Amino acid sequence: MPYVDRQNRICGFLDIEELENSGKFLRRYFILDTLEGSLVWYMDNPQNLPEGTSNVGSLKLTYISKVSDATKLRPKAEFCFVINAGMRKFYLQANDKQDLVEWVSALNNATKITVKACVDTSGAMKQVSYKTEIIAGVPITTTTQEKGEDQNGADRSGQRKPPGQLPYYLSRSNQDQSVIKAGYCVKQGGVMKNWKRRYFMLDDNTLSYFKSDMEREPLRVIPLKEVNRVQECKQSDLMMRDNLFELVTTSRTFYFQSDSPEEMHGWIKAISGAIVAQRGPGRSAASCFVATHPVHVQPSHVSSDVTHLCLLLE
């Protein structure tokens, strides 16, 4: 889903047919910047690219005349929409229907520039307000009422409705090692601390990541029994990365970056749900550790010692 980043830009991954009528769609990271008046796309999230990496494509918003659903025009391209810009048509593929609707709405709203002003009517102290909308490069001026301006301003506030929560865990009593969730995230390396895009797969007992979704052998398998907690990263401001969450295990803390806030919360809920299903309700990682590693202390000190151990694990 598109999301708003720290610079108030709408961002997200889409597939684009860069060569018109080729039928070949390529995965790109898009940034809709209304302040700069442009739509640009990169090979990946610029946060994951070397500093100074240029975009692979851009489009001025003033060139865009219309953005619309194109699933009927391109029936083989699922969730397809088209950007009409002068003599060129850009065909893009969204991730799902809701993604398509939100991108089309965001782009159409971004190409409508409204300038409001007030003028004095002749022989009267009353002011009449009007607005000028630049749609596809054509200025359209209409009068408007103050009340109407407030209502319109609220409608065009740029705030997006919160997306529906993603399903994060379904009971699979009849299936072993079922895939609960899969998809791409960006992971920080353990030694070099660089960031690389990896394909993740969560099942009933493990979280595995692969070099890509085409690989069969994982680069690493993280047993869920070793996970102490999973949560949104509190150091995201220091790392200057959006949609960051952390997975704390008995040996290491992993940092993952999702493509959107919805994806981040979806992964957190999916992993948490799998842990609860594996260990049973009310059993945290700390309690499981104590259960499998008994502590021999005097009865009078049991409560305080176990509490201290749980705090250390947290």
C-alpha atoms as a PDB file:
ATOM      1  CA  MET A   1       0.000   0.000   0.000  1.00  0.00           C
ATOM      2  CA  PRO A   2       1.207   3.572  -0.578  1.00  0.00           C
ATOM      3  CA  TYR A   3       2.270   5.305   2.617  1.00  0.00           C
ATOM      4  CA  VAL A   4       3.357   8.799   3.659  1.00  0.00           C
ATOM      5  CA  ASP A   5       7.058   9.063   4.530  1.00  0.00           C
ATOM      6  CA  ARG A   6       8.861  11.493   6.848  1.00  0.00           C
ATOM      7  CA  GLN A   7       8.920  14.161   4.127  1.00  0.00           C
ATOM      8  CA  ASN A   8       5.149  13.898   3.607  1.00  0.00           C
ATOM      9  CA  ARG A   9       5.579  12.174   0.249  1.00  0.00           C
ATOM     10  CA  ILE A  10       3.449   9.253  -0.902  1.00  0.00           C
ATOM     11  CA  CYS A  11       5.653   6.211  -1.512  1.00  0.00           C
ATOM     12  CA  GLY A  12       5.445   2.540  -2.394  1.00  0.00           C
ATOM     13  CA  PHE A  13       6.316  -0.211  -4.842  1.00  0.00           C
ATOM     14  CA  LEU A  14       4.593  -0.597  -8.204  1.00  0.00           C
ATOM     15  CA  ASP A  15       5.333  -2.459 -11.433  1.00  0.00           C
ATOM     16  CA  ILE A  16       5.703  -0.232 -14.487  1.00  0.00           C
ATOM     17  CA  GLU A  17       5.812  -0.906 -18.215  1.00  0.00           C
ATOM     18  CA  GLU A  18       8.820   1.325 -18.875  1.00  0.00           C
ATOM     19  CA  LEU A  19       8.908   0.505 -22.591  1.00  0.00           C
ATOM     20  CA  GLU A  20       5.463   1.324 -23.942  1.00  0.00           C
ATOM     21  CA  ASN A  21       3.481  -1.619 -25.392  1.00  0.00           C
ATOM     22  CA  SER A  22       6.269  -4.061 -24.459  1.00  0.00           C
ATOM     23  CA  GLY A  23       4.068  -5.964 -22.007  1.00  0.00           C
ATOM     24  CA  LYS A  24       7.061  -6.230 -19.673  1.00  0.00           C
ATOM     25  CA  PHE A  25       6.505  -4.795 -16.190  1.00  0.00           C
ATOM     26  CA  LEU A  26       9.410  -4.018 -13.853  1.00  0.00           C
ATOM     27  CA  ARG A  27       9.324  -3.551 -10.097  1.00  0.00           C
ATOM     28  CA  ARG A  28      10.127   0.023  -9.079  1.00  0.00           C
ATOM     29  CA  TYR A  29       9.867   2.211  -5.974  1.00  0.00           C
ATOM     30  CA  PHE A  30       7.702   5.287  -6.589  1.00  0.00           C
ATOM     31  CA  ILE A  31       7.712   8.643  -4.791  1.00  0.00           C
ATOM     32  CA  LEU A  32       4.866  11.102  -5.350  1.00  0.00           C
ATOM     33  CA  ASP A  33       6.147  14.512  -4.256  1.00  0.00           C
ATOM     34  CA  THR A  34       3.446  17.180  -4.479  1.00  0.00           C
ATOM     35  CA  LEU A  35       5.785  19.938  -3.246  1.00  0.00           C
ATOM     36  CA  GLU A  36       8.227  19.241  -6.064  1.00  0.00           C
ATOM     37  CA  GLY A  37       5.350  18.540  -8.444  1.00  0.00           C
ATOM     38  CA  SER A  38       6.760  15.247  -9.657  1.00  0.00           C
ATOM     39  CA  LEU A  39       6.397  11.491  -9.682  1.00  0.00           C
ATOM     40  CA  VAL A  40       9.764   9.705  -9.656  1.00  0.00           C
ATOM     41  CA  TRP A  41      10.731   6.061  -9.497  1.00  0.00           C
ATOM     42  CA  TYR A  42      13.871   4.188  -8.486  1.00  0.00           C
ATOM     43  CA  MET A  43      15.247   0.663  -8.733  1.00  0.00           C
ATOM     44  CA  ASP A  44      14.604   0.304  -4.992  1.00  0.00           C
ATOM     45  CA  ASN A  45      13.823   2.430  -1.964  1.00  0.00           C
ATOM     46  CA  PRO A  46      16.486   5.203  -2.094  1.00  0.00           C
ATOM     47  CA  GLN A  47      17.279   4.428   1.555  1.00  0.00           C
ATOM     48  CA  ASN A  48      18.648   1.086   0.351  1.00  0.00           C
ATOM     49  CA  LEU A  49      20.632   2.526  -2.579  1.00  0.00           C
ATOM     50  CA  PRO A  50      24.063   4.210  -2.525  1.00  0.00           C
ATOM     51  CA  GLU A  51      23.864   7.895  -1.675  1.00  0.00           C
ATOM     52  CA  GLY A  52      23.356  10.030  -4.761  1.00  0.00           C
ATOM     53  CA  THR A  53      21.786   7.267  -6.866  1.00  0.00           C
ATOM     54  CA  SER A  54      19.592   8.911  -9.502  1.00  0.00           C
ATOM     55  CA  ASN A  55      16.063   7.876 -10.344  1.00  0.00           C
ATOM     56  CA  VAL A  56      15.319   5.679 -13.353  1.00  0.00           C
ATOM     57  CA  GLY A  57      12.267   7.663 -14.389  1.00  0.00           C
ATOM     58  CA  SER A  58      10.293  10.803 -13.585  1.00  0.00           C
ATOM     59  CA  LEU A  59       7.168  12.625 -14.644  1.00  0.00           C
ATOM     60  CA  LYS A  60       6.004  16.185 -13.968  1.00  0.00           C
ATOM     61  CA  LEU A  61       2.552  16.272 -12.426  1.00  0.00           C
ATOM     62  CA  THR A  62       1.504  19.135 -14.722  1.00  0.00           C
ATOM     63  CA  TYR A  63       1.875  16.768 -17.699  1.00  0.00           C
ATOM     64  CA  ILE A  64      -0.654  14.299 -16.271  1.00  0.00           C
ATOM     65  CA  SER A  65      -4.175  14.716 -17.655  1.00  0.00           C
ATOM     66  CA  LYS A  66      -5.849  11.635 -16.155  1.00  0.00           C
ATOM     67  CA  VAL A  67      -5.151   8.538 -14.093  1.00  0.00           C
ATOM     68  CA  SER A  68      -7.622   5.657 -14.335  1.00  0.00           C
ATOM     69  CA  ASP A  69      -8.204   1.925 -13.950  1.00  0.00           C
ATOM     70  CA  ALA A  70      -6.874   0.012 -16.955  1.00  0.00           C
ATOM     71  CA  THR A  71      -7.759  -3.576 -16.113  1.00  0.00           C
ATOM     72  CA  LYS A  72     -10.047  -3.766 -19.164  1.00  0.00           C
ATOM     73  CA  LEU A  73      -7.373  -2.310 -21.434  1.00  0.00           C
ATOM     74  CA  ARG A  74      -4.748  -4.729 -20.124  1.00  0.00           C
ATOM     75  CA  PRO A  75      -6.681  -7.848 -19.008  1.00  0.00           C
ATOM     76  CA  LYS A  76      -3.467  -9.866 -18.632  1.00  0.00           C
ATOM     77  CA  ALA A  77      -1.987  -7.297 -16.243  1.00  0.00           C
ATOM     78  CA  GLU A  78      -3.753  -7.666 -12.898  1.00  0.00           C
ATOM     79  CA  PHE A  79      -4.596  -4.483 -10.936  1.00  0.00           C
ATOM     80  CA  CYS A  80      -3.400  -2.307 -13.810  1.00  0.00           C
ATOM     81  CA  PHE A  81      -3.938   1.447 -14.100  1.00  0.00           C
ATOM     82  CA  VAL A  82      -2.794   4.027 -16.642  1.00  0.00           C
ATOM     83  CA  ILE A  83      -1.313   7.516 -16.386  1.00  0.00           C
ATOM     84  CA  ASN A  84      -2.116   9.692 -19.398  1.00  0.00           C
ATOM     85  CA  ALA A  85       0.649  12.234 -19.884  1.00  0.00           C
ATOM     86  CA  GLY A  86       0.579  14.098 -23.173  1.00  0.00           C
ATOM     87  CA  MET A  87       1.289  11.696 -26.023  1.00  0.00           C
ATOM     88  CA  ARG A  88       2.498   8.956 -23.663  1.00  0.00           C
ATOM     89  CA  LYS A  89       0.606   6.446 -21.568  1.00  0.00           C
ATOM     90  CA  PHE A  90       2.282   4.849 -18.565  1.00  0.00           C
ATOM     91  CA  TYR A  91       0.825   1.509 -17.519  1.00  0.00           C
ATOM     92  CA  LEU A  92       1.428   0.408 -13.930  1.00  0.00           C
ATOM     93  CA  GLN A  93       0.459  -2.580 -11.813  1.00  0.00           C
ATOM     94  CA  ALA A  94      -0.581  -2.262  -8.184  1.00  0.00           C
ATOM     95  CA  ASN A  95      -0.223  -5.001  -5.571  1.00  0.00           C
ATOM     96  CA  ASP A  96      -3.964  -5.465  -5.068  1.00  0.00           C
ATOM     97  CA  LYS A  97      -7.308  -3.740  -5.650  1.00  0.00           C
ATOM     98  CA  GLN A  98      -7.046  -1.425  -2.643  1.00  0.00           C
ATOM     99  CA  ASP A  99      -3.512  -0.468  -3.651  1.00  0.00           C
ATOM    100  CA  LEU A 100      -4.782   0.387  -7.142  1.00  0.00           C
ATOM    101  CA  VAL A 101      -7.628   2.559  -5.822  1.00  0.00           C
ATOM    102  CA  GLU A 102      -5.357   4.462  -3.432  1.00  0.00           C
ATOM    103  CA  TRP A 103      -2.669   5.169  -6.036  1.00  0.00           C
ATOM    104  CA  VAL A 104      -5.218   6.347  -8.640  1.00  0.00           C
ATOM    105  CA  SER A 105      -6.857   8.621  -6.064  1.00  0.00           C
ATOM    106  CA  ALA A 106      -3.527  10.010  -4.810  1.00  0.00           C
ATOM    107  CA  LEU A 107      -2.273  10.755  -8.330  1.00  0.00           C
ATOM    108  CA  ASN A 108      -5.513  12.394  -9.443  1.00  0.00           C
ATOM    109  CA  ASN A 109      -5.578  14.551  -6.315  1.00  0.00           C
ATOM    110  CA  ALA A 110      -1.928  15.497  -6.769  1.00  0.00           C
ATOM    111  CA  THR A 111      -2.463  16.703 -10.338  1.00  0.00           C
ATOM    112  CA  LYS A 112      -5.194  19.095  -9.211  1.00  0.00           C
ATOM    113  CA  ILE A 113      -3.549  22.279  -7.922  1.00  0.00           C
ATOM    114  CA  THR A 114      -5.863  24.721  -6.166  1.00  0.00           C
ATOM    115  CA  VAL A 115      -5.041  28.402  -5.572  1.00  0.00           C
ATOM    116  CA  LYS A 116      -7.483  30.343  -3.377  1.00  0.00           C
ATOM    117  CA  ALA A 117      -7.785  34.112  -3.097  1.00  0.00           C
ATOM    118  CA  CYS A 118     -10.204  36.816  -1.936  1.00  0.00           C
ATOM    119  CA  VAL A 119     -11.216  40.001  -3.813  1.00  0.00           C
ATOM    120  CA  ASP A 120     -13.326  42.994  -2.735  1.00  0.00           C
ATOM    121  CA  THR A 121     -16.659  43.414  -4.465  1.00  0.00           C
ATOM    122  CA  SER A 122     -17.247  46.914  -5.858  1.00  0.00           C
ATOM    123  CA  GLY A 123     -18.866  49.306  -3.379  1.00  0.00           C
ATOM    124  CA  ALA A 124     -19.055  46.743  -0.595  1.00  0.00           C
ATOM    125  CA  MET A 125     -16.928  45.617   2.270  1.00  0.00           C
ATOM    126  CA  LYS A 126     -17.848  41.971   1.672  1.00  0.00           C
ATOM    127  CA  GLN A 127     -15.183  39.748   0.141  1.00  0.00           C
ATOM    128  CA  VAL A 128     -15.774  37.118  -2.490  1.00  0.00           C
ATOM    129  CA  SER A 129     -13.401  34.185  -2.597  1.00  0.00           C
ATOM    130  CA  TYR A 130     -12.536  32.205  -5.674  1.00  0.00           C
ATOM    131  CA  LYS A 131     -10.320  29.296  -6.490  1.00  0.00           C
ATOM    132  CA  THR A 132      -8.180  28.476  -9.477  1.00  0.00           C
ATOM    133  CA  GLU A 133      -7.604  24.799 -10.196  1.00  0.00           C
ATOM    134  CA  ILE A 134      -4.903  23.759 -12.625  1.00  0.00           C
ATOM    135  CA  ILE A 135      -6.029  20.495 -14.112  1.00  0.00           C
ATOM    136  CA  ALA A 136      -3.730  18.953 -16.719  1.00  0.00           C
ATOM    137  CA  GLY A 137      -2.155  22.375 -17.252  1.00  0.00           C
ATOM    138  CA  VAL A 138      -5.507  24.132 -17.839  1.00  0.00           C
ATOM    139  CA  PRO A 139      -6.479  26.836 -15.282  1.00  0.00           C
ATOM    140  CA  ILE A 140     -10.146  26.740 -14.207  1.00  0.00           C
ATOM    141  CA  THR A 141     -11.428  29.573 -11.989  1.00  0.00           C
ATOM    142  CA  THR A 142     -14.643  29.309  -9.965  1.00  0.00           C
ATOM    143  CA  THR A 143     -16.130  31.269  -7.073  1.00  0.00           C
ATOM    144  CA  THR A 144     -16.521  29.526  -3.766  1.00  0.00           C
ATOM    145  CA  GLN A 145     -18.101  30.220  -0.384  1.00  0.00           C
ATOM    146  CA  GLU A 146     -16.117  30.397   2.819  1.00  0.00           C
ATOM    147  CA  LYS A 147     -18.039  27.481   4.262  1.00  0.00           C
ATOM    148  CA  GLY A 148     -17.486  25.498   1.146  1.00  0.00           C
ATOM    149  CA  GLU A 149     -13.799  26.286   1.270  1.00  0.00           C
ATOM    150  CA  ASP A 150     -13.516  24.796   4.734  1.00  0.00           C
ATOM    151  CA  GLN A 151     -15.341  21.689   3.665  1.00  0.00           C
ATOM    152  CA  ASN A 152     -13.272  21.294   0.550  1.00  0.00           C
ATOM    153  CA  GLY A 153     -10.101  21.931   2.450  1.00  0.00           C
ATOM    154  CA  ALA A 154     -10.998  19.195   4.858  1.00  0.00           C
ATOM    155  CA  ASP A 155     -11.713  16.854   1.990  1.00  0.00           C
ATOM    156  CA  ARG A 156      -8.387  17.653   0.401  1.00  0.00           C
ATOM    157  CA  SER A 157      -6.397  17.591   3.621  1.00  0.00           C
ATOM    158  CA  GLY A 158      -4.236  14.825   2.260  1.00  0.00           C
ATOM    159  CA  GLN A 159      -4.999  12.538   5.192  1.00  0.00           C
ATOM    160  CA  ARG A 160      -5.602   9.003   4.077  1.00  0.00           C
ATOM    161  CA  LYS A 161      -8.005   6.639   5.733  1.00  0.00           C
ATOM    162  CA  PRO A 162      -6.325   3.903   7.744  1.00  0.00           C
ATOM    163  CA  PRO A 163      -6.186   0.694   5.692  1.00  0.00           C
ATOM    164  CA  GLY A 164      -7.890  -2.453   6.882  1.00  0.00           C
ATOM    165  CA  GLN A 165      -5.826  -4.663   9.109  1.00  0.00           C
ATOM    166  CA  LEU A 166      -4.183  -7.589   7.420  1.00  0.00           C
ATOM    167  CA  PRO A 167      -4.941 -11.133   8.528  1.00  0.00           C
ATOM    168  CA  TYR A 168      -1.883 -12.260  10.452  1.00  0.00           C
ATOM    169  CA  TYR A 169      -2.533 -15.803  11.620  1.00  0.00           C
ATOM    170  CA  LEU A 170      -5.016 -18.492  10.671  1.00  0.00           C
ATOM    171  CA  SER A 171      -5.319 -21.789  12.525  1.00  0.00           C
ATOM    172  CA  ARG A 172      -3.884 -24.617  10.471  1.00  0.00           C
ATOM    173  CA  SER A 173      -4.411 -27.636  12.698  1.00  0.00           C
ATOM    174  CA  ASN A 174      -4.481 -30.022   9.755  1.00  0.00           C
ATOM    175  CA  GLN A 175      -1.296 -28.693   8.174  1.00  0.00           C
ATOM    176  CA  ASP A 176       2.257 -28.835   9.458  1.00  0.00           C
ATOM    177  CA  GLN A 177       4.855 -26.231   8.560  1.00  0.00           C
ATOM    178  CA  SER A 178       2.213 -24.151   6.730  1.00  0.00           C
ATOM    179  CA  VAL A 179       3.298 -20.797   5.353  1.00  0.00           C
ATOM    180  CA  ILE A 180       1.658 -18.074   7.429  1.00  0.00           C
ATOM    181  CA  LYS A 181       3.140 -15.045   5.698  1.00  0.00           C
ATOM    182  CA  ALA A 182       5.686 -14.413   2.960  1.00  0.00           C
ATOM    183  CA  GLY A 183       7.102 -11.347   1.257  1.00  0.00           C
ATOM    184  CA  TYR A 184      10.041  -9.012   0.821  1.00  0.00           C
ATOM    185  CA  CYS A 185      11.651  -6.899   3.544  1.00  0.00           C
ATOM    186  CA  VAL A 186      14.987  -5.122   3.819  1.00  0.00           C
ATOM    187  CA  LYS A 187      17.313  -6.579   6.472  1.00  0.00           C
ATOM    188  CA  GLN A 188      20.341  -5.115   8.196  1.00  0.00           C
ATOM    189  CA  GLY A 189      23.447  -7.301   8.025  1.00  0.00           C
ATOM    190  CA  GLY A 190      24.876  -8.696  11.243  1.00  0.00           C
ATOM    191  CA  VAL A 191      28.517  -7.799  10.542  1.00  0.00           C
ATOM    192  CA  MET A 192      28.751  -5.123   7.830  1.00  0.00           C
ATOM    193  CA  LYS A 193      25.493  -3.413   8.951  1.00  0.00           C
ATOM    194  CA  ASN A 194      24.519  -2.880   5.335  1.00  0.00           C
ATOM    195  CA  TRP A 195      20.908  -3.241   4.177  1.00  0.00           C
ATOM    196  CA  LYS A 196      19.802  -5.860   1.665  1.00  0.00           C
ATOM    197  CA  ARG A 197      16.418  -6.848   0.294  1.00  0.00           C
ATOM    198  CA  ARG A 198      15.486 -10.404   1.206  1.00  0.00           C
ATOM    199  CA  TYR A 199      12.476 -12.671   0.771  1.00  0.00           C
ATOM    200  CA  PHE A 200      10.991 -13.807   4.095  1.00  0.00           C
ATOM    201  CA  MET A 201       8.819 -16.794   4.858  1.00  0.00           C
ATOM    202  CA  LEU A 202       7.095 -17.427   8.186  1.00  0.00           C
ATOM    203  CA  ASP A 203       5.744 -20.863   9.095  1.00  0.00           C
ATOM    204  CA  ASP A 204       4.486 -22.437  12.319  1.00  0.00           C
ATOM    205  CA  ASN A 205       7.951 -22.824  13.852  1.00  0.00           C
ATOM    206  CA  THR A 206      10.472 -20.658  11.999  1.00  0.00           C
ATOM    207  CA  LEU A 207      11.122 -17.385  10.197  1.00  0.00           C
ATOM    208  CA  SER A 208      13.392 -17.944   7.185  1.00  0.00           C
ATOM    209  CA  TYR A 209      14.835 -15.510   4.677  1.00  0.00           C
ATOM    210  CA  PHE A 210      16.121 -16.117   1.154  1.00  0.00           C
ATOM    211  CA  LYS A 211      18.130 -14.148  -1.364  1.00  0.00           C
ATOM    212  CA  SER A 212      14.994 -13.955  -3.538  1.00  0.00           C
ATOM    213  CA  ASP A 213      11.640 -15.662  -3.972  1.00  0.00           C
ATOM    214  CA  MET A 214      13.244 -17.861  -6.643  1.00  0.00           C
ATOM    215  CA  GLU A 215      15.689 -19.482  -4.201  1.00  0.00           C
ATOM    216  CA  ARG A 216      14.909 -22.804  -2.542  1.00  0.00           C
ATOM    217  CA  GLU A 217      17.573 -22.800   0.171  1.00  0.00           C
ATOM    218  CA  PRO A 218      17.249 -20.127   2.893  1.00  0.00           C
ATOM    219  CA  LEU A 219      20.161 -17.934   3.876  1.00  0.00           C
ATOM    220  CA  ARG A 220      19.124 -18.345   7.503  1.00  0.00           C
ATOM    221  CA  VAL A 221      16.409 -19.956   9.576  1.00  0.00           C
ATOM    222  CA  ILE A 222      15.352 -18.323  12.860  1.00  0.00           C
ATOM    223  CA  PRO A 223      13.479 -20.721  15.209  1.00  0.00           C
ATOM    224  CA  LEU A 224      10.520 -18.984  16.830  1.00  0.00           C
ATOM    225  CA  LYS A 225      11.360 -20.652  20.144  1.00  0.00           C
ATOM    226  CA  GLU A 226      14.464 -18.428  20.269  1.00  0.00           C
ATOM    227  CA  VAL A 227      12.493 -15.191  19.786  1.00  0.00           C
ATOM    228  CA  ASN A 228      12.094 -13.044  22.915  1.00  0.00           C
ATOM    229  CA  ARG A 229       9.966 -10.345  21.316  1.00  0.00           C
ATOM    230  CA  VAL A 230       9.039  -8.627  18.038  1.00  0.00           C
ATOM    231  CA  GLN A 231       8.025  -4.970  17.955  1.00  0.00           C
ATOM    232  CA  GLU A 232       8.212  -1.691  16.071  1.00  0.00           C
ATOM    233  CA  CYS A 233      11.754  -0.359  16.319  1.00  0.00           C
ATOM    234  CA  LYS A 234      12.191   2.565  18.686  1.00  0.00           C
ATOM    235  CA  GLN A 235      15.471   3.524  16.992  1.00  0.00           C
ATOM    236  CA  SER A 236      13.905   4.166  13.576  1.00  0.00           C
ATOM    237  CA  ASP A 237      14.584   7.908  13.901  1.00  0.00           C
ATOM    238  CA  LEU A 238      18.282   7.265  14.591  1.00  0.00           C
ATOM    239  CA  MET A 239      18.516   4.846  11.660  1.00  0.00           C
ATOM    240  CA  MET A 240      16.510   7.243   9.433  1.00  0.00           C
ATOM    241  CA  ARG A 241      14.345   4.414   8.125  1.00  0.00           C
ATOM    242  CA  ASP A 242      10.578   4.157   7.881  1.00  0.00           C
ATOM    243  CA  ASN A 243       8.527   1.060   8.725  1.00  0.00           C
ATOM    244  CA  LEU A 244      11.297  -0.492  10.821  1.00  0.00           C
ATOM    245  CA  PHE A 245      10.715  -3.348  13.266  1.00  0.00           C
ATOM    246  CA  GLU A 246      13.005  -5.516  15.358  1.00  0.00           C
ATOM    247  CA  LEU A 247      13.131  -9.206  16.193  1.00  0.00           C
ATOM    248  CA  VAL A 248      14.977  -9.885  19.451  1.00  0.00           C
ATOM    249  CA  THR A 249      16.333 -13.418  19.866  1.00  0.00           C
ATOM    250  CA  THR A 250      18.483 -15.053  22.515  1.00  0.00           C
ATOM    251  CA  SER A 251      21.618 -14.364  20.474  1.00  0.00           C
ATOM    252  CA  ARG A 252      20.954 -11.296  18.304  1.00  0.00           C
ATOM    253  CA  THR A 253      18.592  -8.436  17.469  1.00  0.00           C
ATOM    254  CA  PHE A 254      17.451  -8.395  13.822  1.00  0.00           C
ATOM    255  CA  TYR A 255      16.282  -5.179  12.151  1.00  0.00           C
ATOM    256  CA  PHE A 256      13.796  -5.416   9.259  1.00  0.00           C
ATOM    257  CA  GLN A 257      12.288  -2.670   7.093  1.00  0.00           C
ATOM    258  CA  SER A 258       8.929  -3.212   5.389  1.00  0.00           C
ATOM    259  CA  ASP A 259       7.606  -1.458   2.302  1.00  0.00           C
ATOM    260  CA  SER A 260       4.725   0.190   4.184  1.00  0.00           C
ATOM    261  CA  PRO A 261       3.361   0.670   7.721  1.00  0.00           C
ATOM    262  CA  GLU A 262       0.642  -1.898   6.958  1.00  0.00           C
ATOM    263  CA  GLU A 263       3.244  -4.486   5.999  1.00  0.00           C
ATOM    264  CA  MET A 264       5.296  -3.723   9.115  1.00  0.00           C
ATOM    265  CA  HIS A 265       2.313  -4.213  11.445  1.00  0.00           C
ATOM    266  CA  GLY A 266       1.285  -7.272   9.444  1.00  0.00           C
ATOM    267  CA  TRP A 267       4.666  -8.924  10.020  1.00  0.00           C
ATOM    268  CA  ILE A 268       4.676  -8.040  13.731  1.00  0.00           C
ATOM    269  CA  LYS A 269       1.208  -9.536  14.199  1.00  0.00           C
ATOM    270  CA  ALA A 270       1.995 -12.590  12.088  1.00  0.00           C
ATOM    271  CA  ILE A 271       5.171 -13.430  14.025  1.00  0.00           C
ATOM    272  CA  SER A 272       3.516 -12.709  17.382  1.00  0.00           C
ATOM    273  CA  GLY A 273       0.552 -14.890  16.439  1.00  0.00           C
ATOM    274  CA  ALA A 274       2.805 -17.772  15.405  1.00  0.00           C
ATOM    275  CA  ILE A 275       4.702 -17.547  18.702  1.00  0.00           C
ATOM    276  CA  VAL A 276       1.483 -17.592  20.736  1.00  0.00           C
ATOM    277  CA  ALA A 277       0.186 -20.569  18.729  1.00  0.00           C
ATOM    278  CA  GLN A 278       3.450 -22.439  19.277  1.00  0.00           C
ATOM    279  CA  ARG A 279       3.873 -21.753  23.007  1.00  0.00           C
ATOM    280  CA  GLY A 280       0.280 -21.406  24.089  1.00  0.00           C
ATOM    281  CA  PRO A 281      -1.602 -18.361  25.422  1.00  0.00           C
ATOM    282  CA  GLY A 282       0.110 -16.374  28.144  1.00  0.00           C
ATOM    283  CA  ARG A 283       3.547 -17.924  27.636  1.00  0.00           C
ATOM    284  CA  SER A 284       6.164 -15.369  26.765  1.00  0.00           C
ATOM    285  CA  ALA A 285       9.681 -16.084  25.564  1.00  0.00           C
ATOM    286  CA  ALA A 286      10.965 -15.447  29.081  1.00  0.00           C
ATOM    287  CA  SER A 287       8.543 -17.895  30.670  1.00  0.00           C
ATOM    288  CA  CYS A 288       9.469 -20.576  28.128  1.00  0.00           C
ATOM    289  CA  PHE A 289      13.145 -20.037  28.886  1.00  0.00           C
ATOM    290  CA  VAL A 290      12.550 -20.457  32.616  1.00  0.00           C
ATOM    291  CA  ALA A 291      10.441 -23.573  32.007  1.00  0.00           C
ATOM    292  CA  THR A 292      13.204 -25.275  29.985  1.00  0.00           C
ATOM    293  CA  HIS A 293      16.091 -23.927  32.106  1.00  0.00           C
ATOM    294  CA  PRO A 294      15.072 -24.421  35.782  1.00  0.00           C
ATOM    295  CA  VAL A 295      16.746 -22.183  38.303  1.00  0.00           C
ATOM    296  CA  HIS A 296      17.816 -23.802  41.588  1.00  0.00           C
ATOM    297  CA  VAL A 297      17.375 -21.272  44.381  1.00  0.00           C
ATOM    298  CA  GLN A 298      16.144 -21.238  47.948  1.00  0.00           C
ATOM    299  CA  PRO A 299      12.335 -21.232  48.217  1.00  0.00           C
ATOM    300  CA  SER A 300      12.308 -17.840  49.903  1.00  0.00           C
ATOM    301  CA  HIS A 301      14.085 -16.301  46.896  1.00  0.00           C
ATOM    302  CA  VAL A 302      12.176 -18.006  44.084  1.00  0.00           C
ATOM    303  CA  SER A 303       9.856 -15.113  43.313  1.00  0.00           C
ATOM    304  CA  SER A 304      12.519 -12.389  43.267  1.00  0.00           C
ATOM    305  CA  ASP A 305      15.100 -14.453  41.348  1.00  0.00           C
ATOM    306  CA  VAL A 306      12.717 -15.542  38.600  1.00  0.00           C
ATOM    307  CA  THR A 307      11.435 -11.981  38.269  1.00  0.00           C
ATOM    308  CA  HIS A 308      15.011 -10.735  37.936  1.00  0.00           C
ATOM    309  CA  LEU A 309      15.766 -13.349  35.257  1.00  0.00           C
ATOM    310  CA  CYS A 310      12.667 -12.362  33.256  1.00  0.00           C
ATOM    311  CA  LEU A 311      13.688  -8.721  33.393  1.00  0.00           C
ATOM    312  CA  LEU A 312      17.131  -9.602  32.089  1.00  0.00           C
ATOM    313  CA  LEU A 313      15.618 -11.510  29.181  1.00  0.00           C
ATOM    314  CA  GLU A 314      13.383  -8.597  28.257  1.00  0.00           C
END
